[in-house]
């Protein structure tokens, strides 16, 4: 099991981040397709529930340079569906990821929130939990998922700040 925390700084305020960045369709499409270089991105569902709670479901298909053991295990390309829920009363986004292959053996989930770090500056803190239950190679697969997650979050930080500047947010 891999548990790790990632932190990123965004040059905006908390309300703008949630309202005009995180749930923005253009931002997400460009993030996945341009910044992260994914092969596919699709918004499946975005709902606003009573009390301002928001839920979102997306499907993506990342490009990856997986280790040979991972490629052999999954047999080629893999996509995943992310389902998340944001509660404005706590400011917390909780998500789970379901992979298109081996979903009974791979568990990916996380929680994140943002905290002010001065004027027009926030820090996103994301706690990640990855578990792969495949005898003999689970740790290798977990390590690969953790590395790609860390790389994606670094790219996301740069893209998000560029998007914020571009949109004047």
N, C-alpha and C. Protein backbone atom coordinates (compact mmCIF):
# COMPACT_ATOMS: atom_id res chain seq x y z
N UNK A 1 0.85 -1.18 0.00
CA UNK A 1 0.00 0.00 0.00
C UNK A 1 0.89 1.24 0.00
N UNK A 2 0.56 2.18 -0.85
CA UNK A 2 1.31 3.43 -0.93
C UNK A 2 0.40 4.56 -0.48
N UNK A 3 0.82 5.24 0.57
CA UNK A 3 0.12 6.44 1.04
C UNK A 3 1.12 7.57 0.97
N UNK A 4 0.72 8.67 0.34
CA UNK A 4 1.63 9.80 0.23
C UNK A 4 0.82 11.08 0.09
N UNK A 5 1.45 12.19 0.46
CA UNK A 5 0.81 13.50 0.40
C UNK A 5 1.56 14.36 -0.60
N UNK A 6 0.81 15.06 -1.45
CA UNK A 6 1.40 15.98 -2.41
C UNK A 6 0.86 17.38 -2.13
N UNK A 7 1.72 18.38 -2.31
CA UNK A 7 1.32 19.77 -2.09
C UNK A 7 1.70 20.60 -3.31
N UNK A 8 0.77 21.49 -3.69
CA UNK A 8 1.00 22.38 -4.83
C UNK A 8 0.53 23.78 -4.48
N UNK A 9 1.23 24.78 -5.00
CA UNK A 9 0.87 26.18 -4.79
C UNK A 9 0.19 26.70 -6.05
N UNK A 10 -0.97 27.35 -5.87
CA UNK A 10 -1.68 27.98 -6.96
C UNK A 10 -1.84 29.46 -6.65
N UNK A 11 -1.64 30.28 -7.66
CA UNK A 11 -1.67 31.74 -7.50
C UNK A 11 -3.09 32.29 -7.67
N UNK A 12 -3.99 31.90 -6.78
CA UNK A 12 -5.36 32.38 -6.78
C UNK A 12 -5.93 32.21 -5.37
N UNK A 13 -7.17 32.60 -5.18
CA UNK A 13 -7.79 32.40 -3.87
C UNK A 13 -8.65 31.13 -3.90
N UNK A 14 -9.05 30.72 -2.72
CA UNK A 14 -9.79 29.47 -2.54
C UNK A 14 -11.10 29.43 -3.34
N UNK A 15 -11.91 30.47 -3.24
CA UNK A 15 -13.21 30.48 -3.92
C UNK A 15 -13.04 30.44 -5.44
N UNK A 16 -12.08 31.20 -5.96
CA UNK A 16 -11.83 31.21 -7.40
C UNK A 16 -11.35 29.84 -7.86
N UNK A 17 -10.49 29.21 -7.09
CA UNK A 17 -10.00 27.88 -7.45
C UNK A 17 -11.15 26.91 -7.68
N UNK A 18 -12.06 26.83 -6.72
CA UNK A 18 -13.15 25.86 -6.84
C UNK A 18 -14.14 26.28 -7.94
N UNK A 19 -14.54 27.55 -7.96
CA UNK A 19 -15.60 28.00 -8.86
C UNK A 19 -15.15 28.16 -10.31
N UNK A 20 -13.93 28.66 -10.52
CA UNK A 20 -13.52 29.04 -11.88
C UNK A 20 -12.36 28.24 -12.45
N UNK A 21 -11.83 27.33 -11.65
CA UNK A 21 -10.73 26.51 -12.14
C UNK A 21 -11.11 25.03 -12.05
N UNK A 22 -11.21 24.50 -10.86
CA UNK A 22 -11.36 23.06 -10.66
C UNK A 22 -12.56 22.46 -11.40
N UNK A 23 -13.69 23.14 -11.39
CA UNK A 23 -14.89 22.59 -12.04
C UNK A 23 -15.10 23.15 -13.45
N UNK A 24 -14.17 23.92 -13.97
CA UNK A 24 -14.31 24.52 -15.29
C UNK A 24 -14.01 23.48 -16.38
N UNK A 25 -14.93 23.35 -17.33
CA UNK A 25 -14.79 22.34 -18.39
C UNK A 25 -13.57 22.59 -19.27
N UNK A 26 -13.35 23.84 -19.67
CA UNK A 26 -12.20 24.15 -20.52
C UNK A 26 -10.89 23.81 -19.79
N UNK A 27 -10.81 24.21 -18.53
CA UNK A 27 -9.61 23.92 -17.73
C UNK A 27 -9.32 22.42 -17.71
N UNK A 28 -10.33 21.63 -17.40
CA UNK A 28 -10.11 20.18 -17.28
C UNK A 28 -9.75 19.54 -18.61
N UNK A 29 -10.46 19.91 -19.67
CA UNK A 29 -10.15 19.35 -20.99
C UNK A 29 -8.70 19.66 -21.38
N UNK A 30 -8.30 20.92 -21.22
CA UNK A 30 -6.94 21.32 -21.57
C UNK A 30 -5.91 20.69 -20.64
N UNK A 31 -6.24 20.58 -19.36
CA UNK A 31 -5.32 19.96 -18.40
C UNK A 31 -4.98 18.54 -18.84
N UNK A 32 -6.01 17.73 -19.08
CA UNK A 32 -5.77 16.33 -19.41
C UNK A 32 -5.17 16.14 -20.80
N UNK A 33 -5.70 16.84 -21.79
CA UNK A 33 -5.26 16.61 -23.17
C UNK A 33 -3.97 17.34 -23.51
N UNK A 34 -3.83 18.60 -23.08
CA UNK A 34 -2.63 19.38 -23.43
C UNK A 34 -1.51 19.22 -22.40
N UNK A 35 -1.79 19.57 -21.16
CA UNK A 35 -0.73 19.58 -20.15
C UNK A 35 -0.25 18.18 -19.78
N UNK A 36 -1.19 17.26 -19.60
CA UNK A 36 -0.80 15.91 -19.18
C UNK A 36 -0.59 14.97 -20.36
N UNK A 37 -1.03 15.38 -21.56
CA UNK A 37 -0.80 14.57 -22.75
C UNK A 37 -1.60 13.29 -22.80
N UNK A 38 -2.76 13.27 -22.14
CA UNK A 38 -3.59 12.07 -22.16
C UNK A 38 -4.16 11.86 -23.56
N UNK A 39 -4.49 10.63 -23.89
CA UNK A 39 -5.07 10.29 -25.18
C UNK A 39 -6.56 10.59 -25.21
N UNK A 40 -7.20 10.65 -24.04
CA UNK A 40 -8.62 10.89 -24.00
C UNK A 40 -9.06 11.54 -22.70
N UNK A 41 -10.12 12.34 -22.79
CA UNK A 41 -10.75 12.96 -21.63
C UNK A 41 -12.23 13.14 -21.95
N UNK A 42 -13.09 12.72 -21.05
CA UNK A 42 -14.53 12.90 -21.26
C UNK A 42 -15.20 13.20 -19.92
N UNK A 43 -15.95 14.29 -19.89
CA UNK A 43 -16.77 14.61 -18.72
C UNK A 43 -18.04 13.78 -18.84
N UNK A 44 -18.24 12.87 -17.91
CA UNK A 44 -19.41 11.99 -17.94
C UNK A 44 -20.59 12.60 -17.19
N UNK A 45 -20.28 13.31 -16.11
CA UNK A 45 -21.35 13.87 -15.29
C UNK A 45 -20.80 14.95 -14.36
N UNK A 46 -21.55 16.03 -14.23
CA UNK A 46 -21.23 17.09 -13.27
C UNK A 46 -22.56 17.56 -12.71
N UNK A 47 -22.73 17.40 -11.40
CA UNK A 47 -24.00 17.75 -10.76
C UNK A 47 -23.75 18.68 -9.59
N UNK A 48 -24.71 19.60 -9.39
CA UNK A 48 -24.71 20.41 -8.17
C UNK A 48 -25.91 19.97 -7.36
N UNK A 49 -25.66 19.54 -6.15
CA UNK A 49 -26.68 19.01 -5.27
C UNK A 49 -27.07 20.06 -4.23
N UNK A 50 -28.12 19.79 -3.46
CA UNK A 50 -28.50 20.75 -2.41
C UNK A 50 -27.33 21.08 -1.48
N UNK A 51 -27.26 22.33 -1.07
CA UNK A 51 -26.18 22.77 -0.19
C UNK A 51 -24.89 23.09 -0.92
N UNK A 52 -24.93 23.05 -2.26
CA UNK A 52 -23.74 23.39 -3.04
C UNK A 52 -22.78 22.24 -3.25
N UNK A 53 -23.12 21.05 -2.75
CA UNK A 53 -22.28 19.87 -2.96
C UNK A 53 -22.21 19.60 -4.46
N UNK A 54 -21.01 19.30 -4.94
CA UNK A 54 -20.84 18.97 -6.35
C UNK A 54 -20.25 17.58 -6.50
N UNK A 55 -20.76 16.87 -7.50
CA UNK A 55 -20.19 15.57 -7.84
C UNK A 55 -19.76 15.62 -9.30
N UNK A 56 -18.72 14.87 -9.59
CA UNK A 56 -18.22 14.85 -10.97
C UNK A 56 -17.70 13.45 -11.27
N UNK A 57 -17.91 13.04 -12.52
CA UNK A 57 -17.39 11.78 -13.01
C UNK A 57 -16.75 12.03 -14.35
N UNK A 58 -15.49 11.63 -14.50
CA UNK A 58 -14.78 11.79 -15.76
C UNK A 58 -14.14 10.46 -16.16
N UNK A 59 -13.89 10.31 -17.45
CA UNK A 59 -13.15 9.15 -17.96
C UNK A 59 -11.93 9.68 -18.70
N UNK A 60 -10.79 9.11 -18.43
CA UNK A 60 -9.57 9.55 -19.08
C UNK A 60 -8.77 8.34 -19.55
N UNK A 61 -7.88 8.62 -20.49
CA UNK A 61 -6.98 7.58 -20.98
C UNK A 61 -5.58 8.17 -21.05
N UNK A 62 -4.76 7.86 -20.03
CA UNK A 62 -3.41 8.42 -20.02
C UNK A 62 -2.49 7.70 -20.99
N UNK A 63 -1.45 8.42 -21.42
CA UNK A 63 -0.33 7.79 -22.13
C UNK A 63 0.66 7.46 -21.03
N UNK A 64 1.31 6.34 -21.12
CA UNK A 64 2.30 6.07 -20.09
C UNK A 64 3.41 5.19 -20.61
N UNK A 65 4.52 5.36 -20.00
CA UNK A 65 5.68 4.51 -20.27
C UNK A 65 5.79 3.54 -19.10
N UNK A 66 4.89 2.60 -19.06
CA UNK A 66 4.83 1.66 -17.95
C UNK A 66 5.98 0.66 -18.00
N UNK A 67 6.44 0.24 -16.83
CA UNK A 67 7.46 -0.82 -16.80
C UNK A 67 6.91 -2.08 -17.47
N UNK A 68 7.80 -2.92 -17.97
CA UNK A 68 7.41 -4.13 -18.70
C UNK A 68 6.44 -4.99 -17.90
N UNK A 69 6.67 -5.12 -16.59
CA UNK A 69 5.80 -5.97 -15.77
C UNK A 69 4.37 -5.41 -15.75
N UNK A 70 4.23 -4.09 -15.74
CA UNK A 70 2.90 -3.47 -15.73
C UNK A 70 2.24 -3.65 -17.09
N UNK A 71 2.99 -3.41 -18.16
CA UNK A 71 2.45 -3.56 -19.51
C UNK A 71 1.98 -4.99 -19.75
N UNK A 72 2.79 -5.95 -19.32
CA UNK A 72 2.42 -7.36 -19.50
C UNK A 72 1.16 -7.70 -18.70
N UNK A 73 1.07 -7.14 -17.52
CA UNK A 73 -0.07 -7.39 -16.64
C UNK A 73 -1.37 -6.85 -17.20
N UNK A 74 -1.34 -5.62 -17.69
CA UNK A 74 -2.58 -5.00 -18.16
C UNK A 74 -2.83 -5.23 -19.64
N UNK A 75 -1.81 -5.65 -20.37
CA UNK A 75 -2.00 -5.98 -21.77
C UNK A 75 -2.28 -4.78 -22.65
N UNK A 76 -1.59 -3.69 -22.43
CA UNK A 76 -1.75 -2.53 -23.31
C UNK A 76 -2.38 -1.35 -22.60
N UNK A 77 -3.13 -0.56 -23.36
CA UNK A 77 -3.70 0.68 -22.84
C UNK A 77 -4.72 0.44 -21.74
N UNK A 78 -4.82 1.44 -20.87
CA UNK A 78 -5.76 1.38 -19.77
C UNK A 78 -6.40 2.77 -19.62
N UNK A 79 -7.67 2.80 -19.33
CA UNK A 79 -8.33 4.06 -19.04
C UNK A 79 -8.84 3.98 -17.61
N UNK A 80 -9.30 5.10 -17.10
CA UNK A 80 -9.89 5.06 -15.78
C UNK A 80 -11.01 6.07 -15.65
N UNK A 81 -11.88 5.79 -14.69
CA UNK A 81 -12.98 6.69 -14.37
C UNK A 81 -12.72 7.24 -12.98
N UNK A 82 -12.78 8.56 -12.86
CA UNK A 82 -12.64 9.22 -11.56
C UNK A 82 -14.00 9.73 -11.14
N UNK A 83 -14.40 9.38 -9.94
CA UNK A 83 -15.63 9.87 -9.36
C UNK A 83 -15.28 10.64 -8.10
N UNK A 84 -15.81 11.86 -8.00
CA UNK A 84 -15.49 12.68 -6.84
C UNK A 84 -16.66 13.46 -6.31
N UNK A 85 -16.49 13.93 -5.08
CA UNK A 85 -17.54 14.70 -4.40
C UNK A 85 -16.87 15.82 -3.63
N UNK A 86 -17.36 17.05 -3.86
CA UNK A 86 -16.85 18.23 -3.16
C UNK A 86 -17.92 18.76 -2.24
N UNK A 87 -17.55 18.96 -1.00
CA UNK A 87 -18.48 19.49 0.00
C UNK A 87 -18.04 20.90 0.36
N UNK A 88 -18.83 21.92 -0.02
CA UNK A 88 -18.42 23.29 0.25
C UNK A 88 -18.36 23.63 1.74
N UNK A 89 -19.08 22.88 2.57
CA UNK A 89 -19.04 23.16 4.02
C UNK A 89 -17.70 22.79 4.63
N UNK A 90 -17.01 21.81 4.05
CA UNK A 90 -15.69 21.41 4.54
C UNK A 90 -14.57 21.85 3.60
N UNK A 91 -14.94 22.11 2.32
CA UNK A 91 -13.94 22.45 1.32
C UNK A 91 -13.09 21.26 0.90
N UNK A 92 -13.64 20.06 1.08
CA UNK A 92 -12.87 18.84 0.80
C UNK A 92 -13.42 18.13 -0.43
N UNK A 93 -12.51 17.73 -1.32
CA UNK A 93 -12.79 16.91 -2.50
C UNK A 93 -12.31 15.51 -2.19
N UNK A 94 -13.21 14.53 -2.31
CA UNK A 94 -12.85 13.12 -2.13
C UNK A 94 -13.10 12.41 -3.44
N UNK A 95 -12.16 11.58 -3.84
CA UNK A 95 -12.32 10.89 -5.12
C UNK A 95 -11.86 9.44 -5.05
N UNK A 96 -12.39 8.67 -5.98
CA UNK A 96 -11.93 7.30 -6.20
C UNK A 96 -11.70 7.13 -7.69
N UNK A 97 -10.76 6.29 -8.02
CA UNK A 97 -10.44 5.99 -9.41
C UNK A 97 -10.66 4.50 -9.65
N UNK A 98 -11.39 4.20 -10.71
CA UNK A 98 -11.64 2.82 -11.11
C UNK A 98 -10.97 2.60 -12.46
N UNK A 99 -10.04 1.67 -12.49
CA UNK A 99 -9.32 1.38 -13.73
C UNK A 99 -10.16 0.47 -14.63
N UNK A 100 -9.92 0.59 -15.94
CA UNK A 100 -10.68 -0.21 -16.91
C UNK A 100 -10.25 -1.68 -16.90
N UNK A 101 -9.09 -1.95 -16.34
CA UNK A 101 -8.60 -3.32 -16.23
C UNK A 101 -8.13 -3.55 -14.79
N UNK A 102 -8.31 -4.75 -14.32
CA UNK A 102 -7.89 -5.16 -12.97
C UNK A 102 -8.49 -4.28 -11.87
N UNK A 103 -9.70 -3.78 -12.08
CA UNK A 103 -10.31 -2.88 -11.10
C UNK A 103 -10.59 -3.58 -9.76
N UNK A 104 -10.68 -4.90 -9.78
CA UNK A 104 -10.87 -5.64 -8.53
C UNK A 104 -9.57 -5.78 -7.75
N UNK A 105 -8.45 -5.46 -8.38
CA UNK A 105 -7.13 -5.62 -7.74
C UNK A 105 -6.45 -4.27 -7.45
N UNK A 106 -6.94 -3.19 -8.08
CA UNK A 106 -6.30 -1.88 -7.95
C UNK A 106 -7.28 -0.92 -7.29
N UNK A 107 -6.83 -0.29 -6.20
CA UNK A 107 -7.65 0.69 -5.50
C UNK A 107 -6.88 2.00 -5.42
N UNK A 108 -7.49 3.08 -5.94
CA UNK A 108 -6.86 4.39 -5.91
C UNK A 108 -7.91 5.38 -5.38
N UNK A 109 -7.53 6.12 -4.36
CA UNK A 109 -8.45 7.10 -3.77
C UNK A 109 -7.63 8.26 -3.22
N UNK A 110 -8.32 9.35 -2.99
CA UNK A 110 -7.63 10.50 -2.44
C UNK A 110 -8.59 11.53 -1.88
N UNK A 111 -8.03 12.44 -1.13
CA UNK A 111 -8.76 13.54 -0.53
C UNK A 111 -7.88 14.76 -0.67
N UNK A 112 -8.47 15.89 -1.09
CA UNK A 112 -7.69 17.11 -1.06
C UNK A 112 -8.52 18.33 -0.72
N UNK A 113 -7.80 19.34 -0.30
CA UNK A 113 -8.38 20.61 0.09
C UNK A 113 -7.35 21.69 -0.19
N UNK A 114 -7.77 22.94 -0.09
CA UNK A 114 -6.83 24.05 -0.30
C UNK A 114 -6.82 24.93 0.95
N UNK A 115 -5.64 25.50 1.22
CA UNK A 115 -5.46 26.40 2.36
C UNK A 115 -4.82 27.68 1.87
N UNK A 116 -5.27 28.83 2.42
CA UNK A 116 -4.67 30.12 2.03
C UNK A 116 -3.19 30.18 2.43
N UNK A 117 -2.40 30.78 1.56
CA UNK A 117 -0.96 30.97 1.82
C UNK A 117 -0.58 32.41 1.47
N UNK A 118 -1.39 33.36 1.94
CA UNK A 118 -1.16 34.76 1.63
C UNK A 118 -2.23 35.27 0.68
N UNK A 119 -2.03 36.48 0.19
CA UNK A 119 -3.00 37.10 -0.69
C UNK A 119 -2.95 36.46 -2.08
N UNK A 120 -4.10 35.98 -2.55
CA UNK A 120 -4.20 35.35 -3.88
C UNK A 120 -3.20 34.20 -4.05
N UNK A 121 -3.09 33.39 -3.01
CA UNK A 121 -2.19 32.23 -3.08
C UNK A 121 -2.73 31.14 -2.16
N UNK A 122 -2.84 29.94 -2.71
CA UNK A 122 -3.33 28.81 -1.93
C UNK A 122 -2.40 27.62 -2.10
N UNK A 123 -2.50 26.70 -1.17
CA UNK A 123 -1.78 25.44 -1.27
C UNK A 123 -2.79 24.31 -1.30
N UNK A 124 -2.69 23.47 -2.34
CA UNK A 124 -3.53 22.27 -2.40
C UNK A 124 -2.78 21.15 -1.72
N UNK A 125 -3.44 20.49 -0.79
CA UNK A 125 -2.86 19.37 -0.06
C UNK A 125 -3.68 18.14 -0.41
N UNK A 126 -3.01 17.15 -0.98
CA UNK A 126 -3.71 15.95 -1.46
C UNK A 126 -3.12 14.70 -0.82
N UNK A 127 -3.96 13.99 -0.12
CA UNK A 127 -3.57 12.71 0.47
C UNK A 127 -4.01 11.60 -0.46
N UNK A 128 -3.08 10.79 -0.91
CA UNK A 128 -3.32 9.73 -1.89
C UNK A 128 -3.16 8.36 -1.24
N UNK A 129 -3.96 7.43 -1.69
CA UNK A 129 -3.92 6.07 -1.17
C UNK A 129 -4.04 5.11 -2.34
N UNK A 130 -2.98 4.34 -2.58
CA UNK A 130 -2.94 3.40 -3.70
C UNK A 130 -2.70 2.00 -3.12
N UNK A 131 -3.51 1.05 -3.57
CA UNK A 131 -3.33 -0.32 -3.13
C UNK A 131 -3.50 -1.24 -4.33
N UNK A 132 -2.51 -2.10 -4.56
CA UNK A 132 -2.56 -3.06 -5.65
C UNK A 132 -2.38 -4.45 -5.06
N UNK A 133 -3.40 -5.27 -5.22
CA UNK A 133 -3.39 -6.62 -4.65
C UNK A 133 -3.11 -7.64 -5.75
N UNK A 134 -1.86 -7.67 -6.19
CA UNK A 134 -1.43 -8.65 -7.20
C UNK A 134 -0.15 -9.28 -6.67
N UNK A 135 -0.22 -10.54 -6.37
CA UNK A 135 0.91 -11.23 -5.76
C UNK A 135 2.19 -11.07 -6.58
N UNK A 136 3.25 -10.70 -5.89
CA UNK A 136 4.57 -10.61 -6.50
C UNK A 136 4.90 -9.30 -7.19
N UNK A 137 3.88 -8.60 -7.72
CA UNK A 137 4.16 -7.37 -8.46
C UNK A 137 3.37 -6.16 -7.95
N UNK A 138 2.58 -6.36 -6.91
CA UNK A 138 1.76 -5.27 -6.39
C UNK A 138 2.57 -4.03 -6.04
N UNK A 139 3.70 -4.22 -5.40
CA UNK A 139 4.54 -3.08 -5.02
C UNK A 139 5.10 -2.35 -6.22
N UNK A 140 5.46 -3.08 -7.26
CA UNK A 140 5.97 -2.46 -8.49
C UNK A 140 4.89 -1.61 -9.15
N UNK A 141 3.68 -2.14 -9.22
CA UNK A 141 2.56 -1.41 -9.83
C UNK A 141 2.23 -0.18 -8.99
N UNK A 142 2.19 -0.33 -7.66
CA UNK A 142 1.94 0.81 -6.78
C UNK A 142 3.00 1.89 -6.99
N UNK A 143 4.25 1.49 -7.09
CA UNK A 143 5.34 2.45 -7.32
C UNK A 143 5.18 3.19 -8.63
N UNK A 144 4.76 2.49 -9.67
CA UNK A 144 4.53 3.12 -10.96
C UNK A 144 3.39 4.13 -10.88
N UNK A 145 2.28 3.75 -10.25
CA UNK A 145 1.14 4.65 -10.11
C UNK A 145 1.54 5.87 -9.28
N UNK A 146 2.28 5.67 -8.20
CA UNK A 146 2.73 6.80 -7.38
C UNK A 146 3.61 7.74 -8.19
N UNK A 147 4.56 7.20 -8.95
CA UNK A 147 5.45 8.05 -9.75
C UNK A 147 4.67 8.86 -10.78
N UNK A 148 3.74 8.21 -11.49
CA UNK A 148 2.98 8.94 -12.50
C UNK A 148 2.06 9.98 -11.85
N UNK A 149 1.55 9.68 -10.66
CA UNK A 149 0.72 10.65 -9.94
C UNK A 149 1.56 11.86 -9.55
N UNK A 150 2.75 11.63 -9.01
CA UNK A 150 3.64 12.74 -8.63
C UNK A 150 3.98 13.60 -9.86
N UNK A 151 4.31 12.95 -10.97
CA UNK A 151 4.64 13.68 -12.19
C UNK A 151 3.45 14.50 -12.69
N UNK A 152 2.27 13.91 -12.66
CA UNK A 152 1.05 14.60 -13.11
C UNK A 152 0.74 15.81 -12.24
N UNK A 153 0.93 15.69 -10.94
CA UNK A 153 0.64 16.82 -10.05
C UNK A 153 1.62 17.97 -10.28
N UNK A 154 2.87 17.65 -10.58
CA UNK A 154 3.85 18.71 -10.88
C UNK A 154 3.45 19.44 -12.17
N UNK A 155 3.06 18.68 -13.19
CA UNK A 155 2.60 19.29 -14.45
C UNK A 155 1.32 20.09 -14.22
N UNK A 156 0.43 19.57 -13.37
CA UNK A 156 -0.82 20.25 -13.07
C UNK A 156 -0.57 21.59 -12.39
N UNK A 157 0.40 21.65 -11.49
CA UNK A 157 0.71 22.91 -10.81
C UNK A 157 1.13 23.98 -11.83
N UNK A 158 2.02 23.63 -12.73
CA UNK A 158 2.49 24.58 -13.75
C UNK A 158 1.34 25.00 -14.67
N UNK A 159 0.56 24.04 -15.15
CA UNK A 159 -0.54 24.36 -16.05
C UNK A 159 -1.60 25.21 -15.36
N UNK A 160 -1.94 24.86 -14.14
CA UNK A 160 -2.99 25.58 -13.41
C UNK A 160 -2.60 27.04 -13.22
N UNK A 161 -1.37 27.29 -12.84
CA UNK A 161 -0.93 28.68 -12.66
C UNK A 161 -0.91 29.44 -13.98
N UNK A 162 -0.55 28.76 -15.06
CA UNK A 162 -0.59 29.40 -16.39
C UNK A 162 -2.04 29.70 -16.79
N UNK A 163 -2.96 28.78 -16.51
CA UNK A 163 -4.38 28.97 -16.82
C UNK A 163 -4.94 30.16 -16.01
N UNK A 164 -4.59 30.23 -14.74
CA UNK A 164 -5.04 31.33 -13.87
C UNK A 164 -4.56 32.67 -14.43
N UNK A 165 -3.29 32.73 -14.85
CA UNK A 165 -2.76 33.97 -15.43
C UNK A 165 -3.46 34.31 -16.75
N UNK A 166 -3.63 33.29 -17.60
CA UNK A 166 -4.27 33.48 -18.91
C UNK A 166 -5.69 34.02 -18.76
N UNK A 167 -6.42 33.53 -17.78
CA UNK A 167 -7.83 33.92 -17.59
C UNK A 167 -7.98 35.12 -16.67
N UNK A 168 -6.87 35.59 -16.10
CA UNK A 168 -6.94 36.75 -15.19
C UNK A 168 -7.65 36.44 -13.89
N UNK A 169 -7.49 35.21 -13.41
CA UNK A 169 -8.17 34.77 -12.19
C UNK A 169 -7.29 34.99 -10.97
